Protein backbone atom coordinates (compact mmCIF):
# COMPACT_ATOMS: atom_id res chain seq x y z
CA UNK A 1 -16.67 9.33 -28.80
CA UNK A 2 -18.92 9.40 -25.76
CA UNK A 3 -18.92 7.05 -22.77
CA UNK A 4 -21.20 7.07 -19.73
CA UNK A 5 -20.59 5.38 -16.38
CA UNK A 6 -23.20 4.76 -13.68
CA UNK A 7 -23.48 2.79 -10.48
CA UNK A 8 -27.05 1.65 -11.07
CA UNK A 9 -27.64 0.20 -7.59
CA UNK A 10 -29.63 -2.55 -9.33
CA UNK A 11 -29.89 -2.36 -13.12
CA UNK A 12 -33.50 -3.49 -13.32
CA UNK A 13 -34.56 -0.83 -10.81
CA UNK A 14 -32.63 1.86 -12.72
CA UNK A 15 -34.21 0.73 -15.99
CA UNK A 16 -37.67 1.16 -14.46
CA UNK A 17 -36.67 4.71 -13.49
CA UNK A 18 -35.97 5.52 -17.14
CA UNK A 19 -32.32 4.61 -17.61
CA UNK A 20 -32.93 2.61 -20.79
CA UNK A 21 -34.93 5.38 -22.44
CA UNK A 22 -32.33 7.95 -21.38
CA UNK A 23 -29.50 5.87 -22.86
CA UNK A 24 -31.40 5.53 -26.12
CA UNK A 25 -31.77 9.32 -26.26
CA UNK A 26 -28.19 10.04 -25.15
CA UNK A 27 -26.85 7.27 -27.40
CA UNK A 28 -23.31 6.99 -26.02
CA UNK A 29 -20.83 4.69 -27.70
CA UNK A 30 -20.03 2.88 -24.45
CA UNK A 31 -21.92 2.47 -21.19
CA UNK A 32 -20.24 1.30 -17.98
CA UNK A 33 -22.61 -0.08 -15.34
CA UNK A 34 -21.64 -1.02 -11.79
CA UNK A 35 -23.80 -2.77 -9.19
CA UNK A 36 -25.84 -4.63 -11.78
CA UNK A 37 -27.14 -6.82 -8.91
CA UNK A 38 -28.28 -9.48 -11.36
CA UNK A 39 -26.39 -12.64 -12.26
CA UNK A 40 -28.48 -13.56 -15.31
CA UNK A 41 -26.48 -12.55 -18.39
CA UNK A 42 -29.19 -13.53 -20.86
CA UNK A 43 -31.77 -11.59 -18.87
CA UNK A 44 -29.47 -8.58 -18.89
CA UNK A 45 -29.04 -8.82 -22.65
CA UNK A 46 -32.79 -9.06 -23.12
CA UNK A 47 -33.34 -5.99 -20.96
CA UNK A 48 -30.72 -3.97 -22.88
CA UNK A 49 -32.13 -4.88 -26.28
CA UNK A 50 -30.28 -3.10 -29.08
CA UNK A 51 -26.98 -3.01 -27.16
CA UNK A 52 -24.09 -5.44 -27.27
CA UNK A 53 -23.53 -6.52 -23.66
CA UNK A 54 -20.49 -7.98 -21.92
CA UNK A 55 -20.38 -8.46 -18.18
CA UNK A 56 -18.56 -9.75 -15.14
CA UNK A 57 -21.40 -10.79 -12.86
CA UNK A 58 -21.20 -11.80 -9.22
CA UNK A 59 -21.73 -15.41 -8.27
CA UNK A 60 -23.87 -14.24 -5.34
CA UNK A 61 -27.39 -13.31 -6.53
CA UNK A 62 -28.45 -9.69 -6.16
CA UNK A 63 -24.92 -8.47 -5.52
CA UNK A 64 -22.32 -6.31 -7.23
CA UNK A 65 -21.60 -7.06 -10.92
CA UNK A 66 -20.34 -4.87 -13.76
CA UNK A 67 -21.48 -4.66 -17.36
CA UNK A 68 -20.54 -2.77 -20.50
CA UNK A 69 -23.00 -1.85 -23.23
CA UNK A 70 -21.98 -0.76 -26.73
CA UNK A 71 -23.66 -0.16 -30.05
CA UNK A 72 -21.15 -2.40 -31.83
CA UNK A 73 -19.29 -5.57 -30.87
CA UNK A 74 -16.12 -5.04 -28.82
CA UNK A 75 -13.13 -7.24 -28.22
CA UNK A 76 -13.27 -8.41 -24.61
CA UNK A 77 -9.93 -8.37 -22.77
CA UNK A 78 -8.83 -10.87 -20.14
CA UNK A 79 -7.55 -9.02 -17.06
CA UNK A 80 -5.91 -11.03 -14.31
CA UNK A 81 -4.81 -8.40 -11.81
CA UNK A 82 -7.82 -8.54 -9.48
CA UNK A 83 -7.12 -10.36 -6.17
CA UNK A 84 -8.54 -13.89 -6.11
CA UNK A 85 -10.86 -13.08 -3.22
CA UNK A 86 -12.69 -10.49 -5.35
CA UNK A 87 -12.91 -12.30 -8.66
CA UNK A 88 -16.29 -13.90 -8.00
CA UNK A 89 -17.82 -10.55 -7.01
CA UNK A 90 -18.13 -9.09 -10.51
CA UNK A 91 -15.86 -6.07 -10.22
CA UNK A 92 -13.93 -5.56 -13.45
CA UNK A 93 -14.40 -5.98 -17.18
CA UNK A 94 -12.50 -4.51 -20.11
CA UNK A 95 -12.88 -4.15 -23.87
CA UNK A 96 -10.80 -2.73 -26.69
CA UNK A 97 -12.28 -0.21 -29.11
CA UNK A 98 -10.22 1.31 -31.93
CA UNK A 99 -6.95 0.58 -30.15
CA UNK A 100 -8.06 1.98 -26.78
CA UNK A 101 -8.49 -0.26 -23.74
CA UNK A 102 -11.59 0.62 -21.70
CA UNK A 103 -11.80 -0.79 -18.16
CA UNK A 104 -14.98 -0.76 -16.05
CA UNK A 105 -13.99 -1.05 -12.38
CA UNK A 106 -16.10 -1.32 -9.24
CA UNK A 107 -14.03 -1.33 -6.05
CA UNK A 108 -15.37 -2.43 -2.64
CA UNK A 109 -16.51 0.43 -0.44
CA UNK A 110 -14.61 -0.78 2.62
CA UNK A 111 -17.42 0.45 4.84
CA UNK A 112 -18.40 -3.06 5.98
CA UNK A 113 -15.37 -3.28 8.25
CA UNK A 114 -11.57 -3.51 8.44
CA UNK A 115 -11.32 -6.77 6.48
CA UNK A 116 -13.17 -5.31 3.49
CA UNK A 117 -11.14 -2.11 3.66
CA UNK A 118 -7.93 -4.19 3.70
CA UNK A 119 -9.18 -6.09 0.66
CA UNK A 120 -9.91 -2.82 -1.11
CA UNK A 121 -6.35 -1.62 -0.43
CA UNK A 122 -5.05 -4.96 -1.72
CA UNK A 123 -7.02 -4.43 -4.92
CA UNK A 124 -5.58 -0.93 -5.30
CA UNK A 125 -2.05 -2.27 -4.96
CA UNK A 126 -2.78 -4.96 -7.54
CA UNK A 127 -4.21 -2.33 -9.88
CA UNK A 128 -1.11 -0.16 -9.46
CA UNK A 129 1.02 -3.13 -10.50
CA UNK A 130 -1.11 -3.66 -13.59
CA UNK A 131 -0.95 0.01 -14.57
CA UNK A 132 2.82 0.40 -14.30
CA UNK A 133 3.98 -1.40 -17.48
CA UNK A 134 1.11 -0.36 -19.74
CA UNK A 135 1.76 1.20 -23.12
CA UNK A 136 -0.93 2.65 -25.36
CA UNK A 137 -4.11 4.54 -24.47
CA UNK A 138 -6.22 3.25 -21.59
CA UNK A 139 -9.38 4.65 -20.00
CA UNK A 140 -10.59 3.36 -16.64
CA UNK A 141 -14.02 4.30 -15.37
CA UNK A 142 -16.51 3.28 -12.76
CA UNK A 143 -17.33 3.53 -9.09
CA UNK A 144 -14.00 3.38 -7.26
CA UNK A 145 -15.46 4.21 -3.83
CA UNK A 146 -12.55 6.60 -3.45
CA UNK A 147 -12.54 10.39 -3.14
CA UNK A 148 -9.12 11.58 -4.35
CA UNK A 149 -8.81 14.89 -2.47
CA UNK A 150 -10.39 17.20 0.09
CA UNK A 151 -12.44 18.94 -2.59
CA UNK A 152 -14.14 15.66 -3.44
CA UNK A 153 -16.09 15.25 -0.20
CA UNK A 154 -18.52 17.68 1.40
CA UNK A 155 -16.87 17.66 4.85
CA UNK A 156 -13.20 16.61 4.53
CA UNK A 157 -12.26 17.35 8.14
CA UNK A 158 -15.00 15.20 9.65
CA UNK A 159 -14.74 12.44 7.04
CA UNK A 160 -10.96 12.08 7.07
CA UNK A 161 -10.15 8.44 7.77
CA UNK A 162 -13.55 7.13 6.67
CA UNK A 163 -13.30 4.32 4.09
CA UNK A 164 -13.25 6.01 0.71
CA UNK A 165 -11.41 9.03 2.14
CA UNK A 166 -8.46 7.62 4.05
CA UNK A 167 -4.89 8.91 3.82
CA UNK A 168 -3.87 5.57 2.27
CA UNK A 169 -6.43 5.85 -0.53
CA UNK A 170 -5.60 9.48 -1.27
CA UNK A 171 -1.89 8.63 -1.32
CA UNK A 172 -2.57 5.78 -3.74
CA UNK A 173 -4.38 8.12 -6.12
CA UNK A 174 -1.57 10.67 -5.90
CA UNK A 175 0.97 7.92 -6.63
CA UNK A 176 -0.65 6.85 -9.89
CA UNK A 177 -1.08 10.48 -10.93
CA UNK A 178 2.67 10.90 -10.44
CA UNK A 179 3.14 8.05 -12.93
CA UNK A 180 1.02 9.70 -15.63
CA UNK A 181 -2.53 8.57 -14.84
CA UNK A 182 -4.90 11.53 -14.83
CA UNK A 183 -8.23 12.07 -13.11
CA UNK A 184 -9.97 13.20 -16.29
CA UNK A 185 -12.46 15.45 -14.51
CA UNK A 186 -9.77 17.35 -12.60
CA UNK A 187 -7.64 17.56 -15.73
CA UNK A 188 -10.30 19.58 -17.55
CA UNK A 189 -11.97 21.17 -14.47
CA UNK A 190 -9.12 21.93 -12.06
CA UNK A 191 -11.04 24.58 -10.09
CA UNK A 192 -14.47 22.93 -9.90
CA UNK A 193 -16.01 22.74 -6.42
CA UNK A 194 -18.96 20.94 -4.86
CA UNK A 195 -19.18 18.44 -7.72
CA UNK A 196 -20.16 15.02 -6.42
CA UNK A 197 -21.30 11.68 -7.83
CA UNK A 198 -22.88 9.95 -4.82
CA UNK A 199 -25.16 11.12 -2.00
CA UNK A 200 -26.34 9.16 1.01
CA UNK A 201 -30.04 8.34 1.01
CA UNK A 202 -30.23 9.70 4.55
CA UNK A 203 -30.87 13.21 5.91
CA UNK A 204 -31.69 14.84 2.60
CA UNK A 205 -28.04 14.66 1.51
CA UNK A 206 -28.86 15.05 -2.18
CA UNK A 207 -31.03 18.13 -1.69
CA UNK A 208 -28.31 19.70 0.48
CA UNK A 209 -25.56 18.51 -1.91
CA UNK A 210 -23.70 16.70 0.87
CA UNK A 211 -21.96 14.25 -1.43
CA UNK A 212 -18.79 12.47 -2.44
CA UNK A 213 -17.04 12.32 -5.83
CA UNK A 214 -16.18 8.61 -5.98
CA UNK A 215 -17.06 7.76 -9.61
CA UNK A 216 -14.24 8.50 -12.04
CA UNK A 217 -12.69 8.44 -15.46
CA UNK A 218 -8.91 7.97 -15.28
CA UNK A 219 -6.59 7.84 -18.30
CA UNK A 220 -2.98 7.92 -19.41
CA UNK A 221 -3.97 9.96 -22.48
CA UNK A 222 -5.35 13.19 -21.00
CA UNK A 223 -4.88 15.10 -24.25
CA UNK A 224 -7.78 13.09 -25.70
CA UNK A 225 -10.25 14.13 -22.98
CA UNK A 226 -12.71 16.70 -24.31
CA UNK A 227 -15.05 16.96 -21.33
CA UNK A 228 -16.25 15.15 -18.21
CA UNK A 229 -19.68 15.92 -16.75
CA UNK A 230 -21.45 14.64 -13.63
CA UNK A 231 -25.12 14.56 -14.63
CA UNK A 232 -26.58 15.32 -11.23
CA UNK A 233 -30.16 15.72 -12.38
CA UNK A 234 -30.34 12.26 -13.98
CA UNK A 235 -31.63 10.33 -10.98
CA UNK A 236 -31.63 6.63 -11.82
CA UNK A 237 -29.92 5.61 -8.55
CA UNK A 238 -28.06 7.18 -5.64
CA UNK A 239 -25.17 7.95 -8.04
CA UNK A 240 -24.99 10.45 -10.88
CA UNK A 241 -24.05 9.24 -14.35
CA UNK A 242 -20.60 10.47 -15.42
CA UNK A 243 -20.20 11.35 -19.08
CA UNK A 244 -16.83 11.39 -20.85
CA UNK A 245 -16.34 12.90 -24.28
CA UNK A 246 -13.17 11.57 -25.89
CA UNK A 247 -11.41 12.33 -29.15
């Protein structure tokens, strides 16, 4: 099975840059999209013709939103762990496929100020509570706006404490790993360096590979992970698509 995750930074803009044609050629079983930036579900389904589409779209037009595309119908799951203050922002949707729960998650960046960072940390705590009692295989993917370790940002000394790379966020990631939730990329690529998923649009960051690895696949069934690849050269937005191959 193959799944692809991408922060599209506006799905219609990414589609115009060739995302739809690329997905048709790649033909993954599941596609996770974050930052749809479109609160018209029927329009989204028309755009992604040939795919079954489920979505959690933001109430605010042109903002946030997550969607999942599949080649066959999926059972949509009702998740209630997200803090109330984030539920209208379109940040989480989940489906079940062949007994596996797949969760598309888009966390706030926290860069807009202390209140948003506090809300992000609240969401992480709520997610930890949801993860603790789970039994059965689960895969979470998406843009978490969180770099788990020093090797996941281009300048860890300077960026330490910046939202997305704070001690609290790194400690949170380490705490769920201690409970059996694996960063799928690091599980199969423990020594990989300078692999990133997002680059600032400023100062030629992409060309100089000054990036952050903030888009992830996380699972409690690491033995089923075959490969995880950050497709750097597929430029549909300021993020790279992340491909998971799963047995």
